[in-house]
N, C-alpha and C. Protein backbone atom coordinates (compact mmCIF):
# COMPACT_ATOMS: atom_id res chain seq x y z
N MET A 1 -31.18 -5.16 13.51
CA MET A 1 -29.90 -5.72 13.08
C MET A 1 -29.66 -5.45 11.73
N LEU A 2 -28.31 -5.35 11.32
CA LEU A 2 -27.97 -5.20 9.95
C LEU A 2 -27.96 -6.38 9.15
N GLU A 3 -28.18 -6.49 7.93
CA GLU A 3 -28.17 -7.71 7.18
C GLU A 3 -26.76 -8.05 6.96
N PHE A 4 -26.48 -9.32 6.86
CA PHE A 4 -25.10 -9.70 6.67
C PHE A 4 -25.14 -11.14 6.00
N THR A 5 -24.50 -11.15 4.79
CA THR A 5 -24.50 -12.38 3.97
C THR A 5 -22.98 -13.06 4.09
N TYR A 6 -22.85 -14.20 4.75
CA TYR A 6 -21.58 -14.70 4.95
C TYR A 6 -21.10 -15.58 3.92
N THR A 7 -20.05 -15.15 3.15
CA THR A 7 -19.46 -15.97 2.03
C THR A 7 -18.02 -15.97 2.31
N PRO A 8 -17.50 -16.94 3.20
CA PRO A 8 -16.12 -16.97 3.58
C PRO A 8 -15.25 -17.36 2.31
N PRO A 9 -14.01 -16.72 2.22
CA PRO A 9 -13.17 -17.04 1.08
C PRO A 9 -12.57 -18.54 1.29
N HIS A 10 -12.49 -19.25 0.17
CA HIS A 10 -11.84 -20.50 0.04
C HIS A 10 -10.30 -20.33 -0.34
N VAL A 11 -9.66 -19.96 0.75
CA VAL A 11 -8.12 -19.78 0.51
C VAL A 11 -7.46 -20.75 1.51
N PRO A 12 -6.08 -21.04 1.17
CA PRO A 12 -5.28 -21.83 2.12
C PRO A 12 -5.08 -21.07 3.41
N LEU A 13 -4.96 -21.83 4.48
CA LEU A 13 -4.48 -21.36 5.80
C LEU A 13 -3.11 -20.68 5.67
N SER A 14 -2.82 -19.53 6.01
CA SER A 14 -1.62 -18.83 5.98
C SER A 14 -0.94 -18.56 7.47
N VAL A 15 -0.07 -19.59 7.80
CA VAL A 15 0.57 -19.55 9.08
C VAL A 15 1.97 -18.75 8.93
N ILE A 16 2.09 -17.57 9.48
CA ILE A 16 3.39 -16.93 9.24
C ILE A 16 4.59 -17.10 10.33
N HIS A 17 4.04 -17.76 11.40
CA HIS A 17 5.06 -18.09 12.44
C HIS A 17 4.50 -19.16 13.25
N ALA A 18 5.25 -20.21 13.73
CA ALA A 18 4.84 -21.20 14.65
C ALA A 18 5.92 -21.62 15.51
N ASP A 19 5.67 -21.60 16.77
CA ASP A 19 6.69 -22.14 17.72
C ASP A 19 5.85 -22.97 18.71
N ASP A 20 6.44 -23.35 19.81
CA ASP A 20 5.82 -24.35 20.73
C ASP A 20 4.83 -23.49 21.70
N ARG A 21 4.68 -22.26 21.50
CA ARG A 21 3.79 -21.49 22.38
C ARG A 21 2.79 -20.66 21.54
N LEU A 22 3.24 -20.31 20.42
CA LEU A 22 2.33 -19.43 19.57
C LEU A 22 2.11 -19.88 18.20
N LEU A 23 1.00 -19.47 17.50
CA LEU A 23 0.73 -19.62 16.07
C LEU A 23 0.28 -18.28 15.64
N VAL A 24 0.91 -17.74 14.65
CA VAL A 24 0.51 -16.38 14.18
C VAL A 24 0.16 -16.63 12.68
N LEU A 25 -0.97 -16.11 12.32
CA LEU A 25 -1.71 -16.20 11.02
C LEU A 25 -1.87 -14.88 10.40
N ASP A 26 -1.92 -14.97 8.91
CA ASP A 26 -2.54 -13.80 8.14
C ASP A 26 -3.88 -14.22 7.87
N LYS A 27 -4.76 -13.55 8.60
CA LYS A 27 -6.29 -13.77 8.38
C LYS A 27 -6.76 -13.20 6.93
N PRO A 28 -7.41 -13.89 6.26
CA PRO A 28 -8.01 -13.20 5.02
C PRO A 28 -9.18 -12.40 5.26
N SER A 29 -9.49 -11.44 4.52
CA SER A 29 -10.71 -10.58 4.66
C SER A 29 -11.88 -11.46 4.30
N GLY A 30 -12.97 -11.28 4.96
CA GLY A 30 -14.16 -12.04 4.79
C GLY A 30 -14.41 -13.29 5.59
N LEU A 31 -13.49 -13.61 6.50
CA LEU A 31 -13.51 -14.91 7.21
C LEU A 31 -13.60 -14.50 8.70
N LEU A 32 -14.69 -14.99 9.40
CA LEU A 32 -14.86 -14.74 10.80
C LEU A 32 -13.64 -15.38 11.50
N THR A 33 -13.27 -14.70 12.70
CA THR A 33 -12.21 -15.26 13.57
C THR A 33 -12.70 -16.45 14.29
N VAL A 34 -14.00 -16.29 14.76
CA VAL A 34 -14.62 -17.39 15.54
C VAL A 34 -16.06 -17.74 14.92
N PRO A 35 -16.80 -18.77 15.24
CA PRO A 35 -18.08 -18.95 14.64
C PRO A 35 -19.02 -18.08 15.02
N GLY A 36 -19.85 -17.69 14.02
CA GLY A 36 -20.98 -16.76 14.26
C GLY A 36 -22.07 -17.39 14.88
N LYS A 37 -23.03 -16.57 15.58
CA LYS A 37 -24.25 -17.25 16.35
C LYS A 37 -25.19 -17.75 15.46
N GLU A 38 -25.37 -17.25 14.22
CA GLU A 38 -26.39 -17.56 13.36
C GLU A 38 -26.01 -18.82 12.52
N PRO A 39 -26.95 -19.65 12.11
CA PRO A 39 -26.65 -20.93 11.33
C PRO A 39 -25.87 -20.48 9.99
N GLY A 40 -24.90 -21.38 9.57
CA GLY A 40 -24.25 -21.08 8.29
C GLY A 40 -22.98 -20.26 8.52
N ARG A 41 -22.65 -20.05 9.78
CA ARG A 41 -21.51 -19.19 10.20
C ARG A 41 -20.39 -19.92 10.94
N GLU A 42 -20.53 -21.37 10.65
CA GLU A 42 -19.53 -22.06 11.44
C GLU A 42 -18.14 -22.16 10.90
N ASP A 43 -17.94 -21.85 9.62
CA ASP A 43 -16.62 -21.74 9.10
C ASP A 43 -15.99 -20.53 9.52
N CYS A 44 -14.78 -20.61 10.11
CA CYS A 44 -14.08 -19.49 10.62
C CYS A 44 -12.61 -19.78 10.73
N LEU A 45 -11.78 -18.85 10.97
CA LEU A 45 -10.38 -18.96 11.05
C LEU A 45 -9.87 -20.01 12.26
N ILE A 46 -10.45 -19.96 13.37
CA ILE A 46 -10.13 -20.84 14.47
C ILE A 46 -10.43 -22.28 14.10
N ALA A 47 -11.60 -22.48 13.49
CA ALA A 47 -11.95 -23.91 13.13
C ALA A 47 -11.01 -24.39 12.13
N ARG A 48 -10.69 -23.61 11.10
CA ARG A 48 -9.70 -24.08 10.04
C ARG A 48 -8.32 -24.32 10.68
N LEU A 49 -7.99 -23.49 11.71
CA LEU A 49 -6.63 -23.68 12.27
C LEU A 49 -6.68 -24.96 13.24
N ARG A 50 -7.79 -25.18 13.97
CA ARG A 50 -7.87 -26.31 14.81
C ARG A 50 -7.88 -27.55 14.02
N ALA A 51 -8.28 -27.58 12.68
CA ALA A 51 -8.28 -28.85 11.97
C ALA A 51 -6.76 -29.31 11.65
N VAL A 52 -5.84 -28.36 11.84
CA VAL A 52 -4.48 -28.80 11.65
C VAL A 52 -3.69 -28.72 13.12
N HIS A 53 -4.09 -27.76 13.94
CA HIS A 53 -3.51 -27.63 15.22
C HIS A 53 -4.67 -27.66 16.20
N PRO A 54 -5.04 -28.90 16.74
CA PRO A 54 -6.26 -28.88 17.57
C PRO A 54 -6.02 -28.10 18.99
N GLU A 55 -4.87 -27.87 19.29
CA GLU A 55 -4.60 -27.14 20.54
C GLU A 55 -4.73 -25.74 20.43
N ALA A 56 -4.88 -25.16 19.32
CA ALA A 56 -4.99 -23.58 19.19
C ALA A 56 -6.15 -22.90 20.02
N LEU A 57 -5.76 -21.83 20.86
CA LEU A 57 -6.56 -21.18 21.61
C LEU A 57 -6.77 -19.73 21.30
N LEU A 58 -7.92 -19.21 21.47
CA LEU A 58 -8.26 -17.80 21.03
C LEU A 58 -7.55 -16.85 22.11
N VAL A 59 -6.88 -15.76 21.44
CA VAL A 59 -6.33 -14.71 22.14
C VAL A 59 -7.08 -13.48 22.03
N HIS A 60 -7.21 -13.04 20.72
CA HIS A 60 -7.89 -11.88 20.29
C HIS A 60 -8.62 -12.04 18.88
N ARG A 61 -9.33 -11.09 18.40
CA ARG A 61 -10.08 -11.15 17.27
C ARG A 61 -9.74 -10.06 16.28
N LEU A 62 -9.94 -10.30 15.06
CA LEU A 62 -10.07 -9.30 13.97
C LEU A 62 -11.45 -9.40 13.45
N ASP A 63 -11.93 -8.18 13.10
CA ASP A 63 -13.36 -8.14 12.33
C ASP A 63 -13.23 -9.05 11.11
N CYS A 64 -14.38 -9.56 10.82
CA CYS A 64 -14.62 -10.41 9.70
C CYS A 64 -13.96 -9.85 8.39
N ASP A 65 -14.14 -8.55 8.08
CA ASP A 65 -13.77 -8.00 6.82
C ASP A 65 -12.36 -7.49 6.91
N THR A 66 -11.68 -7.58 8.05
CA THR A 66 -10.28 -7.02 8.28
C THR A 66 -9.44 -8.29 7.99
N SER A 67 -8.23 -7.89 7.29
CA SER A 67 -7.26 -9.04 7.17
C SER A 67 -6.11 -8.66 7.93
N GLY A 68 -5.04 -9.66 8.05
CA GLY A 68 -3.80 -9.36 8.66
C GLY A 68 -3.49 -10.31 9.80
N VAL A 69 -2.48 -9.74 10.63
CA VAL A 69 -1.84 -10.57 11.76
C VAL A 69 -2.80 -10.72 12.93
N ILE A 70 -2.77 -12.08 13.17
CA ILE A 70 -3.65 -12.50 14.34
C ILE A 70 -2.82 -13.66 15.21
N VAL A 71 -2.90 -13.58 16.40
CA VAL A 71 -1.98 -14.62 17.14
C VAL A 71 -2.92 -15.42 17.94
N PHE A 72 -2.64 -16.73 17.89
CA PHE A 72 -3.22 -17.80 18.83
C PHE A 72 -2.20 -18.52 19.59
N ALA A 73 -2.68 -18.89 20.90
CA ALA A 73 -1.85 -19.51 21.80
C ALA A 73 -1.92 -21.07 21.61
N ARG A 74 -0.86 -21.86 22.12
CA ARG A 74 -0.82 -23.26 21.94
C ARG A 74 -1.05 -23.98 23.27
N ASP A 75 -1.12 -23.22 24.42
CA ASP A 75 -1.41 -23.85 25.66
C ASP A 75 -2.04 -22.81 26.55
N LYS A 76 -2.71 -23.23 27.57
CA LYS A 76 -3.43 -22.36 28.55
C LYS A 76 -2.57 -21.17 29.06
N ALA A 77 -1.28 -21.55 29.54
CA ALA A 77 -0.46 -20.60 30.19
C ALA A 77 -0.17 -19.46 29.21
N ALA A 78 0.26 -19.78 27.91
CA ALA A 78 0.50 -18.85 26.86
C ALA A 78 -0.68 -17.95 26.58
N GLN A 79 -1.81 -18.62 26.52
CA GLN A 79 -3.19 -17.80 26.32
C GLN A 79 -3.24 -16.86 27.55
N GLY A 80 -3.21 -17.10 28.72
CA GLY A 80 -3.25 -16.27 29.83
C GLY A 80 -2.18 -15.15 29.74
N HIS A 81 -1.10 -15.52 29.43
CA HIS A 81 0.08 -14.49 29.30
C HIS A 81 -0.23 -13.47 28.27
N LEU A 82 -0.75 -13.87 27.11
CA LEU A 82 -0.94 -13.03 25.95
C LEU A 82 -2.29 -12.27 26.25
N GLY A 83 -3.34 -12.85 26.93
CA GLY A 83 -4.47 -12.15 27.31
C GLY A 83 -4.24 -10.97 28.17
N LYS A 84 -3.38 -11.13 29.10
CA LYS A 84 -2.96 -9.95 29.96
C LYS A 84 -2.43 -8.98 29.37
N GLN A 85 -1.56 -9.28 28.32
CA GLN A 85 -0.91 -8.22 27.54
C GLN A 85 -1.91 -7.38 26.79
N PHE A 86 -2.93 -7.98 26.12
CA PHE A 86 -3.80 -7.26 25.37
C PHE A 86 -4.81 -6.42 26.35
N GLU A 87 -5.13 -7.12 27.55
CA GLU A 87 -5.99 -6.21 28.51
C GLU A 87 -5.17 -5.01 29.11
N GLY A 88 -3.87 -5.21 29.29
CA GLY A 88 -3.01 -4.16 29.79
C GLY A 88 -2.45 -3.24 28.72
N ARG A 89 -2.88 -3.46 27.52
CA ARG A 89 -2.45 -2.55 26.57
C ARG A 89 -0.95 -2.56 26.26
N VAL A 90 -0.33 -3.79 26.51
CA VAL A 90 1.16 -3.84 26.21
C VAL A 90 1.30 -4.21 24.87
N VAL A 91 0.48 -4.91 24.14
CA VAL A 91 0.71 -5.19 22.79
C VAL A 91 0.50 -3.92 21.88
N ARG A 92 1.45 -3.81 21.02
CA ARG A 92 1.49 -2.76 20.09
C ARG A 92 0.92 -3.32 18.59
N LYS A 93 -0.17 -2.52 18.12
CA LYS A 93 -0.79 -2.92 16.97
C LYS A 93 -0.61 -1.80 15.92
N ALA A 94 -0.43 -2.08 14.69
CA ALA A 94 -0.49 -1.20 13.57
C ALA A 94 -1.29 -1.64 12.43
N TYR A 95 -2.02 -0.85 11.86
CA TYR A 95 -3.00 -1.15 10.74
C TYR A 95 -2.74 -0.17 9.61
N GLN A 96 -2.95 -0.69 8.42
CA GLN A 96 -3.00 0.11 7.17
C GLN A 96 -4.39 0.20 6.68
N ALA A 97 -4.79 1.36 6.22
CA ALA A 97 -6.06 1.57 5.71
C ALA A 97 -6.15 2.55 4.54
N ARG A 98 -7.17 2.47 3.76
CA ARG A 98 -7.38 3.41 2.63
C ARG A 98 -8.72 4.19 2.97
N LEU A 99 -8.59 5.45 3.02
CA LEU A 99 -9.82 6.20 3.47
C LEU A 99 -10.49 7.03 2.26
N SER A 100 -11.65 7.23 2.40
CA SER A 100 -12.40 8.15 1.48
C SER A 100 -11.95 9.68 1.66
N GLY A 101 -11.55 10.36 0.59
CA GLY A 101 -11.10 11.72 0.76
C GLY A 101 -9.79 11.87 1.14
N ARG A 102 -9.33 13.24 1.24
CA ARG A 102 -7.88 13.52 1.58
C ARG A 102 -7.84 14.00 2.94
N LEU A 103 -7.36 13.19 3.82
CA LEU A 103 -7.27 13.51 5.21
C LEU A 103 -6.28 14.34 5.55
N ALA A 104 -6.58 15.38 6.34
CA ALA A 104 -5.51 16.39 6.86
C ALA A 104 -5.86 16.76 8.30
N PRO A 105 -4.97 17.07 9.13
CA PRO A 105 -3.49 17.08 8.85
C PRO A 105 -2.76 15.74 8.73
N ALA A 106 -1.58 15.70 8.64
CA ALA A 106 -0.75 14.56 8.33
C ALA A 106 -0.84 13.52 9.55
N SER A 107 -1.08 13.90 10.67
CA SER A 107 -1.06 13.03 11.76
C SER A 107 -2.11 13.66 12.87
N GLY A 108 -2.51 12.82 13.76
CA GLY A 108 -3.51 13.24 14.87
C GLY A 108 -3.94 12.05 15.65
N ARG A 109 -4.88 12.32 16.63
CA ARG A 109 -5.45 11.45 17.39
C ARG A 109 -6.94 11.59 17.52
N VAL A 110 -7.65 10.52 17.34
CA VAL A 110 -9.19 10.67 17.55
C VAL A 110 -9.39 10.12 19.05
N ASP A 111 -10.14 10.88 19.83
CA ASP A 111 -10.45 10.44 21.32
C ASP A 111 -11.87 10.58 21.43
N LEU A 112 -12.53 9.53 21.03
CA LEU A 112 -14.11 9.43 21.17
C LEU A 112 -14.55 8.22 21.76
N PRO A 113 -15.34 8.21 22.80
CA PRO A 113 -15.87 7.04 23.43
C PRO A 113 -16.84 6.25 22.55
N LEU A 114 -16.82 4.96 22.68
CA LEU A 114 -17.58 4.10 21.78
C LEU A 114 -18.53 3.16 22.71
N CYS A 115 -19.68 2.82 22.06
CA CYS A 115 -20.57 1.70 22.72
C CYS A 115 -21.36 1.18 21.49
N ALA A 116 -21.96 0.06 21.75
CA ALA A 116 -22.77 -0.68 20.77
C ALA A 116 -24.10 0.10 20.48
N ASP A 117 -24.33 0.20 19.31
CA ASP A 117 -25.73 0.72 18.74
C ASP A 117 -26.63 -0.37 18.72
N TRP A 118 -27.26 -0.83 19.79
CA TRP A 118 -28.00 -2.07 19.95
C TRP A 118 -29.05 -2.32 18.86
N PRO A 119 -29.88 -1.25 18.52
CA PRO A 119 -30.86 -1.64 17.40
C PRO A 119 -30.28 -1.87 16.05
N ASN A 120 -28.98 -1.49 15.94
CA ASN A 120 -28.34 -1.68 14.58
C ASN A 120 -27.12 -2.59 14.66
N ARG A 121 -27.00 -3.36 15.68
CA ARG A 121 -25.86 -4.10 15.89
C ARG A 121 -25.49 -5.01 14.67
N PRO A 122 -24.31 -5.17 14.45
CA PRO A 122 -23.03 -4.97 15.16
C PRO A 122 -22.43 -3.56 15.08
N ARG A 123 -23.16 -2.51 14.61
CA ARG A 123 -22.80 -1.21 14.58
C ARG A 123 -22.52 -0.66 15.89
N GLN A 124 -21.31 0.10 15.96
CA GLN A 124 -20.89 0.89 17.12
C GLN A 124 -21.18 2.33 16.94
N LYS A 125 -21.17 3.07 17.99
CA LYS A 125 -21.41 4.48 17.73
C LYS A 125 -20.70 5.29 18.92
N VAL A 126 -20.42 6.54 18.62
CA VAL A 126 -19.88 7.46 19.58
C VAL A 126 -20.95 7.83 20.63
N ASP A 127 -20.74 7.74 21.99
CA ASP A 127 -21.59 7.98 23.03
C ASP A 127 -20.85 8.58 24.15
N HIS A 128 -20.90 9.96 24.30
CA HIS A 128 -20.15 10.50 25.40
C HIS A 128 -20.70 10.28 26.73
N ALA A 129 -21.86 9.74 26.89
CA ALA A 129 -22.42 9.46 28.21
C ALA A 129 -22.30 8.00 28.52
N GLN A 130 -22.49 7.07 27.50
CA GLN A 130 -22.29 5.67 27.95
C GLN A 130 -21.18 4.89 27.29
N GLY A 131 -20.46 5.56 26.46
CA GLY A 131 -19.37 4.94 25.77
C GLY A 131 -18.11 4.73 26.56
N ARG A 132 -17.35 3.83 26.07
CA ARG A 132 -15.92 3.42 26.86
C ARG A 132 -14.95 4.20 26.14
N PRO A 133 -13.88 4.59 26.80
CA PRO A 133 -12.83 5.37 26.12
C PRO A 133 -12.20 4.75 25.05
N ALA A 134 -11.92 5.43 23.97
CA ALA A 134 -11.30 4.90 22.82
C ALA A 134 -10.30 5.84 22.06
N GLN A 135 -9.19 5.65 21.87
CA GLN A 135 -8.33 6.51 21.21
C GLN A 135 -7.56 5.78 20.04
N THR A 136 -7.37 6.52 19.03
CA THR A 136 -6.67 6.07 17.66
C THR A 136 -5.75 7.12 17.29
N ASP A 137 -4.50 6.79 16.95
CA ASP A 137 -3.47 7.68 16.32
C ASP A 137 -3.48 7.38 14.92
N TRP A 138 -3.39 8.45 14.06
CA TRP A 138 -3.23 8.14 12.62
C TRP A 138 -2.08 8.87 12.12
N GLN A 139 -1.53 8.34 11.02
CA GLN A 139 -0.28 9.07 10.31
C GLN A 139 -0.59 8.78 8.81
N VAL A 140 -0.74 9.84 8.01
CA VAL A 140 -0.90 9.71 6.64
C VAL A 140 0.35 9.22 5.92
N ILE A 141 0.20 8.11 5.04
CA ILE A 141 1.26 7.68 4.39
C ILE A 141 1.32 8.22 3.11
N ALA A 142 0.15 8.46 2.33
CA ALA A 142 0.23 9.06 1.05
C ALA A 142 -1.42 9.40 0.68
N HIS A 143 -1.43 10.42 -0.20
CA HIS A 143 -2.65 10.78 -0.65
C HIS A 143 -2.66 10.05 -2.22
N GLU A 144 -3.67 9.24 -2.40
CA GLU A 144 -3.89 8.63 -3.83
C GLU A 144 -5.16 9.09 -4.52
N GLY A 145 -5.05 10.05 -5.34
CA GLY A 145 -6.19 10.59 -5.91
C GLY A 145 -7.07 11.20 -4.89
N ASP A 146 -8.40 10.84 -4.77
CA ASP A 146 -9.19 11.52 -3.78
C ASP A 146 -9.33 10.37 -2.51
N THR A 147 -8.22 9.71 -2.43
CA THR A 147 -8.31 8.77 -1.07
C THR A 147 -6.98 9.06 -0.38
N THR A 148 -6.93 8.45 0.87
CA THR A 148 -5.77 8.59 1.70
C THR A 148 -5.36 7.28 2.26
N ARG A 149 -4.12 7.02 2.09
CA ARG A 149 -3.58 5.83 2.61
C ARG A 149 -2.98 6.15 4.07
N VAL A 150 -3.38 5.39 5.16
CA VAL A 150 -2.90 5.91 6.51
C VAL A 150 -2.51 4.59 7.27
N ARG A 151 -1.58 4.95 8.32
CA ARG A 151 -1.31 3.89 9.37
C ARG A 151 -1.99 4.29 10.64
N LEU A 152 -2.67 3.32 11.09
CA LEU A 152 -3.61 3.51 12.25
C LEU A 152 -3.03 2.77 13.42
N THR A 153 -2.91 3.42 14.62
CA THR A 153 -2.49 2.79 15.83
C THR A 153 -3.50 2.94 16.85
N PRO A 154 -4.24 1.86 17.16
CA PRO A 154 -5.26 1.88 18.23
C PRO A 154 -4.50 1.81 19.64
N LEU A 155 -4.89 2.75 20.46
CA LEU A 155 -4.45 2.85 21.87
C LEU A 155 -5.24 2.05 22.65
N THR A 156 -6.56 1.71 22.28
CA THR A 156 -7.55 0.86 22.96
C THR A 156 -7.97 -0.03 22.13
N GLY A 157 -8.84 -1.00 22.52
CA GLY A 157 -9.25 -2.08 21.61
C GLY A 157 -10.77 -2.34 21.52
N ARG A 158 -11.44 -1.26 21.31
CA ARG A 158 -13.03 -1.46 21.20
C ARG A 158 -13.36 -1.90 19.83
N SER A 159 -14.53 -2.55 19.89
CA SER A 159 -15.03 -3.15 18.70
C SER A 159 -15.25 -2.11 17.59
N HIS A 160 -14.81 -2.26 16.37
CA HIS A 160 -15.02 -1.47 15.14
C HIS A 160 -14.35 -0.09 15.51
N GLN A 161 -13.51 0.00 16.42
CA GLN A 161 -12.85 1.35 16.85
C GLN A 161 -12.30 2.11 15.61
N LEU A 162 -11.46 1.36 14.78
CA LEU A 162 -10.77 2.19 13.75
C LEU A 162 -11.80 2.61 12.64
N ARG A 163 -12.73 1.75 12.48
CA ARG A 163 -13.81 2.07 11.50
C ARG A 163 -14.76 3.31 11.85
N VAL A 164 -15.16 3.31 13.02
CA VAL A 164 -16.03 4.23 13.60
C VAL A 164 -15.24 5.59 13.73
N HIS A 165 -13.97 5.56 14.14
CA HIS A 165 -13.23 6.77 14.38
C HIS A 165 -12.75 7.43 13.04
N MET A 166 -12.48 6.63 12.09
CA MET A 166 -12.28 7.29 10.80
C MET A 166 -13.57 7.83 10.00
N ALA A 167 -14.68 7.15 10.22
CA ALA A 167 -15.96 7.68 9.75
C ALA A 167 -16.28 9.05 10.46
N GLU A 168 -16.01 9.09 11.81
CA GLU A 168 -16.24 10.29 12.53
C GLU A 168 -15.39 11.41 12.02
N LEU A 169 -14.29 11.27 11.52
CA LEU A 169 -13.39 12.17 10.86
C LEU A 169 -13.91 12.71 9.57
N GLY A 170 -14.84 12.02 9.06
CA GLY A 170 -15.48 12.33 7.71
C GLY A 170 -14.73 11.66 6.52
N HIS A 171 -13.86 10.58 7.05
CA HIS A 171 -13.08 9.84 6.03
C HIS A 171 -13.24 8.45 6.24
N PRO A 172 -14.47 7.80 5.96
CA PRO A 172 -14.57 6.33 6.26
C PRO A 172 -13.67 5.42 5.50
N ILE A 173 -13.41 4.24 6.15
CA ILE A 173 -12.52 3.31 5.36
C ILE A 173 -13.20 2.89 4.01
N LEU A 174 -12.58 2.81 3.01
CA LEU A 174 -13.19 2.38 1.75
C LEU A 174 -13.62 1.03 1.82
N GLY A 175 -14.83 0.64 1.24
CA GLY A 175 -15.37 -0.63 1.18
C GLY A 175 -16.01 -1.06 2.52
N ASP A 176 -16.19 -0.11 3.47
CA ASP A 176 -16.59 -0.49 4.73
C ASP A 176 -18.25 -0.66 4.49
N PRO A 177 -18.64 -1.89 4.81
CA PRO A 177 -20.34 -2.05 4.44
C PRO A 177 -21.23 -1.51 5.62
N ILE A 178 -20.63 -1.06 6.70
CA ILE A 178 -21.34 -0.65 7.75
C ILE A 178 -21.30 1.04 7.89
N TYR A 179 -20.09 1.62 7.77
CA TYR A 179 -19.84 3.04 8.07
C TYR A 179 -19.49 3.91 6.93
N ALA A 180 -19.43 3.27 5.61
CA ALA A 180 -19.27 4.06 4.51
C ALA A 180 -20.69 3.92 3.70
N ALA A 181 -20.69 4.87 2.71
CA ALA A 181 -21.95 4.96 1.93
C ALA A 181 -21.63 5.26 0.37
N GLY A 182 -22.50 5.01 -0.41
CA GLY A 182 -22.31 5.35 -1.86
C GLY A 182 -21.01 4.70 -2.41
N PRO A 183 -20.28 5.47 -3.26
CA PRO A 183 -19.13 4.88 -3.97
C PRO A 183 -18.09 4.47 -3.04
N ALA A 184 -17.87 5.20 -1.80
CA ALA A 184 -16.81 4.88 -0.79
C ALA A 184 -17.11 3.43 -0.38
N ARG A 185 -18.38 2.95 -0.33
CA ARG A 185 -18.67 1.58 0.09
C ARG A 185 -18.75 0.60 -1.12
N ASP A 186 -19.45 0.94 -2.13
CA ASP A 186 -19.77 0.17 -3.22
C ASP A 186 -18.75 -0.03 -4.28
N ASP A 187 -17.80 0.94 -4.39
CA ASP A 187 -16.72 0.78 -5.45
C ASP A 187 -15.52 -0.10 -5.10
N TRP A 188 -15.45 -0.69 -3.98
CA TRP A 188 -14.33 -1.33 -3.49
C TRP A 188 -14.68 -2.78 -3.24
N PRO A 189 -13.70 -3.74 -3.46
CA PRO A 189 -14.01 -5.10 -3.47
C PRO A 189 -13.91 -5.67 -1.92
N ARG A 190 -13.34 -4.95 -0.96
CA ARG A 190 -13.45 -5.25 0.41
C ARG A 190 -13.23 -4.18 1.33
N LEU A 191 -13.33 -4.39 2.58
CA LEU A 191 -12.90 -3.34 3.51
C LEU A 191 -11.34 -3.16 3.55
N MET A 192 -11.05 -1.94 3.12
CA MET A 192 -9.56 -1.67 3.01
C MET A 192 -8.97 -1.37 4.31
N LEU A 193 -8.82 -2.33 5.13
CA LEU A 193 -8.28 -2.30 6.46
C LEU A 193 -7.47 -3.51 6.66
N HIS A 194 -6.16 -3.45 7.03
CA HIS A 194 -5.24 -4.57 7.11
C HIS A 194 -4.42 -4.44 8.47
N ALA A 195 -4.45 -5.40 9.22
CA ALA A 195 -3.68 -5.40 10.47
C ALA A 195 -2.09 -5.92 10.01
N GLU A 196 -1.28 -4.82 9.98
CA GLU A 196 -0.01 -5.15 9.34
C GLU A 196 1.06 -5.63 10.20
N SER A 197 0.94 -5.22 11.53
CA SER A 197 2.06 -5.72 12.52
C SER A 197 1.50 -5.83 13.88
N LEU A 198 2.07 -6.75 14.71
CA LEU A 198 1.76 -7.04 16.00
C LEU A 198 2.96 -7.18 16.82
N THR A 199 3.26 -6.44 17.86
CA THR A 199 4.39 -6.53 18.75
C THR A 199 4.05 -6.96 20.20
N LEU A 200 4.53 -7.93 20.69
CA LEU A 200 4.23 -8.43 22.02
C LEU A 200 5.38 -9.10 22.63
N ARG A 201 5.20 -9.34 23.97
CA ARG A 201 6.25 -10.08 24.66
C ARG A 201 5.81 -11.59 24.61
N HIS A 202 6.96 -12.36 24.11
CA HIS A 202 6.64 -13.80 24.01
C HIS A 202 6.54 -14.44 25.36
N PRO A 203 5.50 -15.45 25.34
CA PRO A 203 5.30 -16.17 26.57
C PRO A 203 6.45 -16.88 27.19
N SER A 204 7.49 -17.30 26.39
CA SER A 204 8.64 -17.85 26.79
C SER A 204 9.73 -16.92 26.79
N GLY A 205 9.95 -16.36 28.13
CA GLY A 205 11.04 -15.55 28.39
C GLY A 205 10.68 -14.09 28.41
N GLY A 206 9.54 -13.55 27.79
CA GLY A 206 9.19 -12.25 27.77
C GLY A 206 9.89 -11.31 26.89
N THR A 207 10.68 -11.82 25.89
CA THR A 207 11.31 -11.01 24.90
C THR A 207 10.32 -10.49 23.91
N TRP A 208 10.71 -9.23 23.39
CA TRP A 208 9.82 -8.65 22.48
C TRP A 208 9.78 -9.42 21.11
N ALA A 209 8.79 -9.59 20.52
CA ALA A 209 8.61 -10.11 19.20
C ALA A 209 7.65 -9.39 18.24
N THR A 210 8.02 -9.19 17.03
CA THR A 210 7.18 -8.49 16.18
C THR A 210 6.83 -9.31 14.98
N PHE A 211 5.55 -9.53 14.54
CA PHE A 211 5.10 -10.13 13.50
C PHE A 211 4.26 -9.31 12.46
N ALA A 212 4.65 -9.31 11.12
CA ALA A 212 4.16 -8.43 10.20
C ALA A 212 3.79 -9.19 8.89
N VAL A 213 2.73 -8.60 8.19
CA VAL A 213 2.30 -8.98 6.95
C VAL A 213 2.12 -7.81 6.04
N ALA A 214 2.59 -7.82 4.95
CA ALA A 214 2.52 -6.63 4.13
C ALA A 214 1.19 -6.41 3.62
N CYS A 215 0.84 -5.29 3.52
CA CYS A 215 -0.59 -4.83 3.15
C CYS A 215 -0.88 -5.29 1.56
N PRO A 216 -2.06 -6.01 1.45
CA PRO A 216 -2.41 -6.61 0.15
C PRO A 216 -3.01 -5.48 -0.92
N PHE A 217 -3.25 -4.35 -0.43
CA PHE A 217 -4.02 -3.39 -1.39
C PHE A 217 -3.37 -2.19 -1.39
């Protein structure tokens, strides 16, 4: 198992949308979505949220080091409605990231199956025999020196999917403590991955709703 020192940021809760069915937050980098299994990892986004909104229910997660848009339900029916959308790939997600190196071509798709690398968990790996299907589309936004800013659209929702897929292209996400190495890992203050938008059908009436938070890096 990889070593992990948990130092959650002391920042105010950032609720970007609230109605009678949903709570949408901007999760900071470095904060777990739910409590960790090890002692000292009780502080997390849902615990902070429930201190203000005790009814909040988990729908999906973001990696500890990823920032951005995350949605919680305010009742069981909304939780079930949203959960089915995530399972059925109805929800549309867009991420922004900065990668090591100059990625080319300007767009493409990674289609590589993933599974847990158990001796090195939480690390994931490409495994064509045991892995579950995983696809990620990318679109280059800009080249910035010897780095690339991209928009990533996951078509599936595997653990660490974007991080593994970019590393497999030879362009790991900058600041990634697991899949990057050397300056690409050490010279950056955080994982440069941000969930910038989430589009889903609202549990009340089924109308499409998009929630977005500007990329902070």
